[in-house]
Amino acid sequence: MARSYQDVLAGARERIPEIQVSELAELLESEDAPLVIDVREQDEWDEGHIPDARHVPRGFLESRIAGIADELDAPIVINCAGGARSLLAGVSLDEMGFRNVKSLAGGFSRWKQDGHDYTVPSTLTPDQRARYSRHVRIPEVGEEGQLKLLDSKVLLIGAGGLGSPSAYYLAAAGVGTIGLVDDDVVDASNLQRQIIHSNDRVGALKAESARQTIEGLNPDVSVKVHPFRVDQTNVLELMNEYDLVVDGADNFPTRYLLNDAALMTRTPLVHASILRFEGHASVFHPYEGPCYRCLFPEPPPPDMAPACGEAGVLGVLCGVMGSIQANEAIKMLLGMGDTLAGRLLIYDALSMSFNELRIRRDPECPACSDGAKLEFRDYEAWCAGERGHAEAPVSA
């Protein structure tokens, strides 16, 4: 004879302890706050939820729990609307080995009835939920993370070999505001690697060409075109408008300018550079890790770092390194994962190998050390004359 729903629920109640709303409210104010998992459906969650709760619809709980709670002894409280679905969800987690699971008696309905604070979240529109569905399904991103991306602002220096794939993927990811700094025009020789442009835009301003492509890809993204070269007169104002900067510069004076300005404004800087078959990438987080000048205190002699116009560059290398930059930018915007801060990633396209070098803050760094006097300088003259022995590839 089949068991009724009431029989199943009664069995779950015997197996999974319940916690009262008042007790949970006290625990959430303490240092031993449990992880609260809300297993209601999306429309229920959108109407309000317990502050700091994690949303995992009941149908996805078993497949997503590993990305939320990786310790089997971690205290977990599951809530639903009235306390029934949470009991059944608790049984599933118990069967998976989680040993400290409780169900909220009365669920979110009782939480509201008892007068406790709750959060009514900003939500994605139905069209946005469809567009970003593969992001939303990732526990580490979810709808909250996607909303954060839509509220983010990223400045790209250059709409060329690195800026093209970076801008493309940041726009596809739903970064809400993208600034493009570039005063150059599209040339036929760019099209081998600068994928954001097209043959019919040869002669057009690169930043404007990139804007057209991005707007055609994602109407959620607002594109700001800055059709000029970044320099000492505008870099600080520019950086202060954005959350982070993606460096796709094609020359050393601009790289050193961006580094010093990032330190002055405390703006994270996502770096990459390319030459022939080799690419470098790192993240420079001001005063939390090394800066570009910790790695390269002085620019190299010109004959040791030719431009790609002279030495050439494999087109697809730009796609690899620009995508890495977009990946690092998204991680920083969402505050997840380990970035390349403190590491230099080196990619060799010929051998298809990645190597990594650890970078530490230089206590004598002329830019970010405790005693450094940080100020702008004549970067063009410095890079042309006072040359050191550092080596680095240059970007397309």
Protein backbone atom coordinates (compact mmCIF):
# COMPACT_ATOMS: atom_id res chain seq x y z
CA MET A 1 0.00 0.00 0.00
CA ALA A 2 1.40 3.40 -1.02
CA ARG A 3 2.23 5.89 1.72
CA SER A 4 0.29 9.14 1.69
CA TYR A 5 1.88 12.57 1.54
CA GLN A 6 1.01 13.08 5.20
CA ASP A 7 2.78 9.85 6.10
CA VAL A 8 5.91 10.93 4.20
CA LEU A 9 5.82 14.36 5.87
CA ALA A 10 5.40 12.84 9.32
CA GLY A 11 8.40 10.58 8.68
CA ALA A 12 10.46 13.60 7.58
CA ARG A 13 9.49 15.47 10.76
CA GLU A 14 10.72 12.56 12.88
CA ARG A 15 14.00 12.56 11.02
CA ILE A 16 14.74 16.29 10.60
CA PRO A 17 14.64 18.59 13.63
CA GLU A 18 12.76 21.85 13.32
CA ILE A 19 13.95 25.25 14.46
CA GLN A 20 11.59 28.02 15.55
CA VAL A 21 11.62 31.43 13.89
CA SER A 22 12.69 33.21 17.10
CA GLU A 23 15.63 30.85 17.58
CA LEU A 24 16.81 31.31 13.99
CA ALA A 25 16.57 35.09 14.30
CA GLU A 26 18.87 34.97 17.34
CA LEU A 27 21.35 32.68 15.64
CA LEU A 28 21.57 34.93 12.60
CA GLU A 29 22.73 37.74 14.88
CA SER A 30 25.50 35.59 16.39
CA GLU A 31 28.94 34.49 15.21
CA ASP A 32 27.60 30.95 14.74
CA ALA A 33 25.00 31.91 12.16
CA PRO A 34 23.86 28.91 10.11
CA LEU A 35 23.63 28.77 6.34
CA VAL A 36 20.01 29.45 5.38
CA ILE A 37 18.86 27.81 2.16
CA ASP A 38 15.54 28.88 0.66
CA VAL A 39 14.05 26.11 -1.49
CA ARG A 40 11.01 28.01 -2.76
CA GLU A 41 10.41 28.72 -6.43
CA GLN A 42 11.70 31.85 -8.15
CA ASP A 43 8.43 33.80 -7.99
CA GLU A 44 8.18 33.13 -4.24
CA TRP A 45 11.77 34.24 -3.67
CA ASP A 46 11.15 37.42 -5.65
CA GLU A 47 8.42 38.43 -3.19
CA GLY A 48 10.90 38.44 -0.30
CA HIS A 49 13.32 36.24 1.63
CA ILE A 50 15.27 35.99 4.88
CA PRO A 51 18.33 38.29 4.73
CA ASP A 52 21.51 36.52 3.53
CA ALA A 53 19.62 33.34 2.63
CA ARG A 54 20.82 31.39 -0.42
CA HIS A 55 18.24 30.57 -3.04
CA VAL A 56 18.22 27.01 -4.40
CA PRO A 57 14.85 25.88 -5.78
CA ARG A 58 13.87 22.47 -4.43
CA GLY A 59 14.35 20.74 -7.77
CA PHE A 60 18.02 21.79 -7.92
CA LEU A 61 19.01 21.27 -4.28
CA GLU A 62 20.85 17.97 -4.61
CA SER A 63 22.81 19.06 -7.69
CA ARG A 64 23.82 22.49 -6.35
CA ILE A 65 24.43 21.93 -2.65
CA ALA A 66 28.12 21.09 -3.18
CA GLY A 67 28.73 24.59 -4.51
CA ILE A 68 27.14 26.15 -1.43
CA ALA A 69 28.04 23.94 1.55
CA ASP A 70 31.15 21.77 1.29
CA GLU A 71 31.35 20.74 4.97
CA LEU A 72 29.05 17.94 6.06
CA ASP A 73 28.95 19.25 9.64
CA ALA A 74 28.09 22.83 8.65
CA PRO A 75 24.86 24.08 10.31
CA ILE A 76 22.16 24.42 7.67
CA VAL A 77 18.59 25.70 8.04
CA ILE A 78 16.24 25.07 5.15
CA ASN A 79 13.16 27.20 4.69
CA CYS A 80 10.23 27.18 2.32
CA ALA A 81 6.86 28.90 2.44
CA GLY A 82 5.23 26.91 5.26
CA GLY A 83 7.73 24.31 6.47
CA ALA A 84 6.74 21.22 4.46
CA ARG A 85 9.05 21.34 1.45
CA SER A 86 11.95 22.22 3.76
CA LEU A 87 11.41 19.02 5.77
CA LEU A 88 11.51 16.90 2.62
CA ALA A 89 14.57 18.79 1.39
CA GLY A 90 16.21 18.12 4.76
CA VAL A 91 15.73 14.39 4.28
CA SER A 92 17.54 14.59 0.95
CA LEU A 93 20.50 16.42 2.49
CA ASP A 94 20.54 13.95 5.38
CA GLU A 95 20.76 11.11 2.89
CA MET A 96 23.67 12.91 1.20
CA GLY A 97 25.59 12.93 4.47
CA PHE A 98 24.90 16.39 5.86
CA ARG A 99 24.66 15.93 9.62
CA ASN A 100 23.49 19.30 10.93
CA VAL A 101 20.35 20.12 8.95
CA LYS A 102 17.21 21.72 10.38
CA SER A 103 13.92 22.87 8.90
CA LEU A 104 12.37 26.25 9.72
CA ALA A 105 9.01 25.60 11.39
CA GLY A 106 6.30 27.61 9.69
CA GLY A 107 8.70 28.71 6.96
CA PHE A 108 8.96 32.18 5.51
CA SER A 109 5.28 32.84 6.13
CA ARG A 110 5.78 32.62 9.89
CA TRP A 111 9.01 34.63 9.64
CA LYS A 112 7.02 37.50 8.13
CA GLN A 113 4.07 37.07 10.51
CA ASP A 114 6.37 37.38 13.50
CA GLY A 115 7.63 40.74 12.24
CA HIS A 116 11.20 39.86 11.29
CA ASP A 117 13.03 41.81 8.62
CA TYR A 118 13.14 40.37 5.14
CA THR A 119 14.68 41.35 1.84
CA VAL A 120 12.78 42.05 -1.35
CA PRO A 121 15.44 41.56 -4.01
CA SER A 122 16.01 43.33 -7.26
CA THR A 123 15.15 40.81 -9.92
CA LEU A 124 15.98 40.02 -13.50
CA THR A 125 13.31 40.56 -16.09
CA PRO A 126 11.97 37.43 -17.82
CA ASP A 127 14.08 38.28 -20.89
CA GLN A 128 17.19 38.72 -18.75
CA ARG A 129 16.52 35.50 -16.90
CA ALA A 130 16.43 33.70 -20.24
CA ARG A 131 19.55 35.45 -21.59
CA TYR A 132 21.66 34.80 -18.49
CA SER A 133 20.17 31.44 -17.54
CA ARG A 134 23.53 29.64 -17.69
CA HIS A 135 24.97 32.16 -15.23
CA VAL A 136 21.98 32.02 -12.93
CA ARG A 137 22.30 28.24 -12.69
CA ILE A 138 25.85 28.51 -11.35
CA PRO A 139 25.57 28.59 -7.52
CA GLU A 140 28.53 30.96 -7.20
CA VAL A 141 26.84 33.47 -9.54
CA GLY A 142 23.08 33.05 -9.36
CA GLU A 143 20.63 35.87 -9.92
CA GLU A 144 22.30 38.02 -7.28
CA GLY A 145 25.63 37.79 -9.07
CA GLN A 146 24.09 38.54 -12.43
CA LEU A 147 22.42 41.63 -11.01
CA LYS A 148 25.80 42.68 -9.65
CA LEU A 149 27.33 42.33 -13.13
CA LEU A 150 24.54 44.40 -14.63
CA ASP A 151 25.33 47.10 -12.08
CA SER A 152 29.09 47.00 -12.76
CA LYS A 153 31.25 49.38 -14.78
CA VAL A 154 34.41 48.30 -16.61
CA LEU A 155 36.83 50.53 -18.51
CA LEU A 156 38.75 49.00 -21.42
CA ILE A 157 41.90 50.72 -22.59
CA GLY A 158 42.07 49.89 -26.27
CA ALA A 159 39.55 48.26 -28.61
CA GLY A 160 42.20 46.22 -30.41
CA GLY A 161 43.60 42.71 -30.16
CA LEU A 162 43.01 42.33 -26.41
CA GLY A 163 40.14 44.76 -26.02
CA SER A 164 38.06 43.05 -28.73
CA PRO A 165 37.59 39.64 -27.05
CA SER A 166 37.51 41.20 -23.58
CA ALA A 167 34.76 43.61 -24.55
CA TYR A 168 32.84 40.89 -26.39
CA TYR A 169 32.74 38.51 -23.43
CA LEU A 170 32.15 41.21 -20.82
CA ALA A 171 29.21 42.43 -22.86
CA ALA A 172 27.88 38.91 -23.34
CA ALA A 173 28.19 38.36 -19.59
CA GLY A 174 25.99 41.38 -18.94
CA VAL A 175 28.45 43.89 -17.50
CA GLY A 176 26.13 46.86 -17.43
CA THR A 177 28.49 49.68 -18.42
CA ILE A 178 31.54 49.31 -20.64
CA GLY A 179 33.82 52.24 -21.37
CA LEU A 180 36.00 52.08 -24.49
CA VAL A 181 39.09 54.28 -24.78
CA ASP A 182 40.62 54.33 -28.27
CA ASP A 183 41.40 57.11 -30.73
CA ASP A 184 42.49 54.84 -33.59
CA VAL A 185 40.50 53.77 -36.66
CA VAL A 186 39.88 50.27 -38.02
CA ASP A 187 42.47 49.11 -40.52
CA ALA A 188 42.28 46.03 -42.74
CA SER A 189 45.34 44.60 -40.96
CA ASN A 190 43.41 44.66 -37.66
CA LEU A 191 40.79 42.17 -38.81
CA GLN A 192 43.11 39.15 -38.43
CA ARG A 193 42.72 39.43 -34.63
CA GLN A 194 40.44 42.32 -33.63
CA ILE A 195 37.21 40.36 -33.83
CA ILE A 196 34.89 43.09 -32.62
CA HIS A 197 35.32 44.96 -35.93
CA SER A 198 34.20 44.03 -39.46
CA ASN A 199 35.30 44.66 -43.02
CA ASP A 200 32.60 47.25 -43.66
CA ARG A 201 33.92 49.38 -40.79
CA VAL A 202 37.45 49.85 -42.11
CA GLY A 203 38.22 53.53 -41.57
CA ALA A 204 35.70 53.91 -38.73
CA LEU A 205 36.69 54.84 -35.20
CA LYS A 206 37.52 51.64 -33.32
CA ALA A 207 35.65 52.61 -30.16
CA GLU A 208 32.54 53.45 -32.22
CA SER A 209 32.83 50.20 -34.19
CA ALA A 210 33.09 48.24 -30.94
CA ARG A 211 30.05 50.08 -29.57
CA GLN A 212 27.95 49.01 -32.55
CA THR A 213 28.98 45.37 -32.12
CA ILE A 214 28.29 45.35 -28.38
CA GLU A 215 24.89 46.99 -28.74
CA GLY A 216 23.98 44.44 -31.39
CA LEU A 217 25.00 41.64 -29.04
CA ASN A 218 23.39 42.77 -25.79
CA PRO A 219 20.90 45.63 -25.34
CA ASP A 220 21.41 45.50 -21.55
CA VAL A 221 24.90 47.01 -21.93
CA SER A 222 25.49 50.75 -21.97
CA VAL A 223 28.63 51.64 -23.95
CA LYS A 224 30.55 54.84 -23.31
CA VAL A 225 32.89 55.83 -26.13
CA HIS A 226 36.00 57.77 -25.14
CA PRO A 227 37.57 58.59 -28.54
CA PHE A 228 40.92 59.86 -27.29
CA ARG A 229 44.21 58.61 -25.92
CA VAL A 230 44.43 58.16 -22.18
CA ASP A 231 46.97 60.53 -20.64
CA GLN A 232 47.81 62.35 -17.44
CA THR A 233 45.08 64.93 -17.99
CA ASN A 234 42.18 62.49 -18.18
CA VAL A 235 43.22 59.14 -16.66
CA LEU A 236 42.25 59.87 -13.05
CA GLU A 237 38.80 61.17 -13.96
CA LEU A 238 38.25 58.17 -16.21
CA MET A 239 39.27 55.59 -13.63
CA ASN A 240 37.09 57.15 -10.95
CA GLU A 241 34.02 56.42 -13.11
CA TYR A 242 34.62 52.66 -13.23
CA ASP A 243 34.96 49.65 -10.93
CA LEU A 244 38.03 48.23 -12.65
CA VAL A 245 40.22 48.68 -15.71
CA VAL A 246 41.12 46.12 -18.39
CA ASP A 247 44.49 47.07 -19.84
CA GLY A 248 44.74 46.38 -23.57
CA ALA A 249 47.36 49.07 -24.19
CA ASP A 250 49.87 48.63 -27.01
CA ASN A 251 52.79 50.59 -25.55
CA PHE A 252 54.86 50.85 -22.39
CA PRO A 253 54.25 54.55 -21.60
CA THR A 254 50.50 53.85 -21.34
CA ARG A 255 51.08 50.73 -19.21
CA TYR A 256 53.15 52.63 -16.67
CA LEU A 257 50.67 55.52 -16.68
CA LEU A 258 47.79 53.11 -16.01
CA ASN A 259 49.70 51.43 -13.20
CA ASP A 260 50.41 54.69 -11.40
CA ALA A 261 46.87 56.00 -11.93
CA ALA A 262 45.41 52.72 -10.65
CA LEU A 263 47.45 53.12 -7.47
CA MET A 264 46.32 56.73 -7.07
CA THR A 265 42.65 55.83 -7.48
CA ARG A 266 42.94 52.32 -5.95
CA THR A 267 41.31 50.84 -9.04
CA PRO A 268 42.02 47.16 -9.83
CA LEU A 269 43.91 46.68 -13.09
CA VAL A 270 43.58 43.54 -15.25
CA HIS A 271 46.69 43.25 -17.40
CA ALA A 272 47.63 41.25 -20.45
CA SER A 273 50.27 41.51 -23.17
CA ILE A 274 51.04 39.53 -26.32
CA LEU A 275 53.82 39.06 -28.86
CA ARG A 276 54.12 36.50 -31.66
CA PHE A 277 53.09 33.25 -29.90
CA GLU A 278 53.39 34.29 -26.24
CA GLY A 279 51.01 36.01 -23.87
CA HIS A 280 51.26 37.29 -20.30
CA ALA A 281 48.40 38.03 -17.89
CA SER A 282 48.11 39.23 -14.32
CA VAL A 283 45.93 41.28 -11.99
CA PHE A 284 47.28 44.28 -10.10
CA HIS A 285 45.16 45.02 -7.06
CA PRO A 286 46.42 48.30 -5.54
CA TYR A 287 48.23 47.82 -2.23
CA GLU A 288 46.80 44.33 -1.78
CA GLY A 289 49.36 42.73 -4.09
CA PRO A 290 52.22 43.68 -6.40
CA CYS A 291 51.83 46.38 -9.02
CA TYR A 292 53.14 46.45 -12.58
CA ARG A 293 56.30 48.25 -11.46
CA CYS A 294 57.02 45.57 -8.86
CA LEU A 295 57.25 43.24 -11.85
CA PHE A 296 58.90 45.63 -14.32
CA PRO A 297 60.48 48.54 -12.40
CA GLU A 298 61.76 50.08 -15.65
CA PRO A 299 60.76 49.75 -19.30
CA PRO A 300 62.86 47.57 -21.60
CA PRO A 301 64.98 48.91 -24.46
CA PRO A 302 62.91 49.15 -27.67
CA ASP A 303 64.98 46.49 -29.43
CA MET A 304 64.06 43.98 -26.70
CA ALA A 305 60.31 44.59 -27.01
CA PRO A 306 59.27 45.26 -30.61
CA ALA A 307 55.67 46.14 -31.36
CA CYS A 308 53.47 43.49 -32.95
CA GLY A 309 53.44 45.59 -36.12
CA GLU A 310 57.12 44.75 -36.43
CA ALA A 311 57.32 41.28 -34.89
CA GLY A 312 53.83 39.97 -35.66
CA VAL A 313 51.28 38.24 -33.47
CA LEU A 314 49.20 35.08 -33.85
CA GLY A 315 45.60 36.26 -34.15
CA VAL A 316 44.01 33.61 -31.94
CA LEU A 317 46.51 34.41 -29.17
CA CYS A 318 44.62 37.68 -28.71
CA GLY A 319 41.41 35.73 -28.17
CA VAL A 320 42.99 33.53 -25.50
CA MET A 321 44.55 36.35 -23.53
CA GLY A 322 41.63 38.74 -23.94
CA SER A 323 39.26 36.04 -22.70
CA ILE A 324 41.49 35.50 -19.68
CA GLN A 325 41.23 39.21 -18.95
CA ALA A 326 37.44 39.07 -19.17
CA ASN A 327 37.42 36.04 -16.87
CA GLU A 328 39.55 37.82 -14.27
CA ALA A 329 37.40 40.94 -14.48
CA ILE A 330 34.20 38.96 -13.91
CA LYS A 331 35.72 37.13 -10.92
CA MET A 332 36.74 40.44 -9.37
CA LEU A 333 33.36 42.03 -9.95
CA LEU A 334 31.64 39.06 -8.30
CA GLY A 335 34.25 38.63 -5.54
CA MET A 336 34.74 34.94 -6.24
CA GLY A 337 37.62 32.59 -6.94
CA ASP A 338 41.35 33.28 -6.90
CA THR A 339 42.46 36.01 -9.27
CA LEU A 340 45.86 36.33 -10.90
CA ALA A 341 46.89 38.94 -8.32
CA GLY A 342 50.40 38.00 -7.22
CA ARG A 343 50.85 35.69 -10.21
CA LEU A 344 52.05 36.14 -13.77
CA LEU A 345 50.45 33.66 -16.16
CA ILE A 346 52.55 32.89 -19.24
CA TYR A 347 50.94 31.19 -22.22
CA ASP A 348 52.91 29.65 -25.10
CA ALA A 349 50.60 28.99 -28.04
CA LEU A 350 53.18 26.88 -29.91
CA SER A 351 53.69 24.38 -27.11
CA MET A 352 50.14 24.86 -25.80
CA SER A 353 51.47 25.32 -22.28
CA PHE A 354 50.72 27.58 -19.35
CA ASN A 355 53.35 28.49 -16.79
CA GLU A 356 53.01 30.62 -13.71
CA LEU A 357 55.42 32.86 -11.85
CA ARG A 358 54.79 34.12 -8.34
CA ILE A 359 55.08 37.88 -7.91
CA ARG A 360 55.56 39.60 -4.57
CA ARG A 361 55.28 43.24 -3.66
CA ASP A 362 58.68 44.84 -3.87
CA PRO A 363 59.43 46.62 -0.57
CA GLU A 364 61.55 49.03 -2.62
CA CYS A 365 59.00 49.48 -5.41
CA PRO A 366 59.16 53.05 -6.73
CA ALA A 367 55.38 53.11 -7.08
CA CYS A 368 53.67 51.11 -4.31
CA SER A 369 56.20 50.71 -1.48
CA ASP A 370 55.53 52.42 1.83
CA GLY A 371 58.06 55.14 1.16
CA ALA A 372 57.26 55.68 -2.52
CA LYS A 373 56.48 59.18 -3.73
CA LEU A 374 53.88 58.45 -6.37
CA GLU A 375 53.49 61.07 -9.06
CA PHE A 376 53.06 61.19 -12.81
CA ARG A 377 56.15 61.57 -14.96
CA ASP A 378 56.97 62.02 -18.64
CA TYR A 379 56.39 58.38 -19.54
CA GLU A 380 57.19 58.83 -23.21
CA ALA A 381 60.61 60.29 -22.49
CA TRP A 382 61.29 57.75 -19.74
CA CYS A 383 60.47 54.76 -21.93
CA ALA A 384 62.53 56.18 -24.78
CA GLY A 385 65.59 57.12 -22.74
CA GLU A 386 66.02 55.88 -19.18
CA ARG A 387 65.78 52.19 -20.04
CA GLY A 388 66.24 49.23 -17.71
CA HIS A 389 66.52 45.54 -18.44
CA ALA A 390 62.99 44.23 -17.83
CA GLU A 391 61.43 42.17 -20.58
CA ALA A 392 57.74 41.97 -21.46
CA PRO A 393 55.75 41.42 -24.63
CA VAL A 394 53.58 44.22 -25.94
CA SER A 395 49.92 44.03 -26.87
CA ALA A 396 48.37 44.16 -30.29
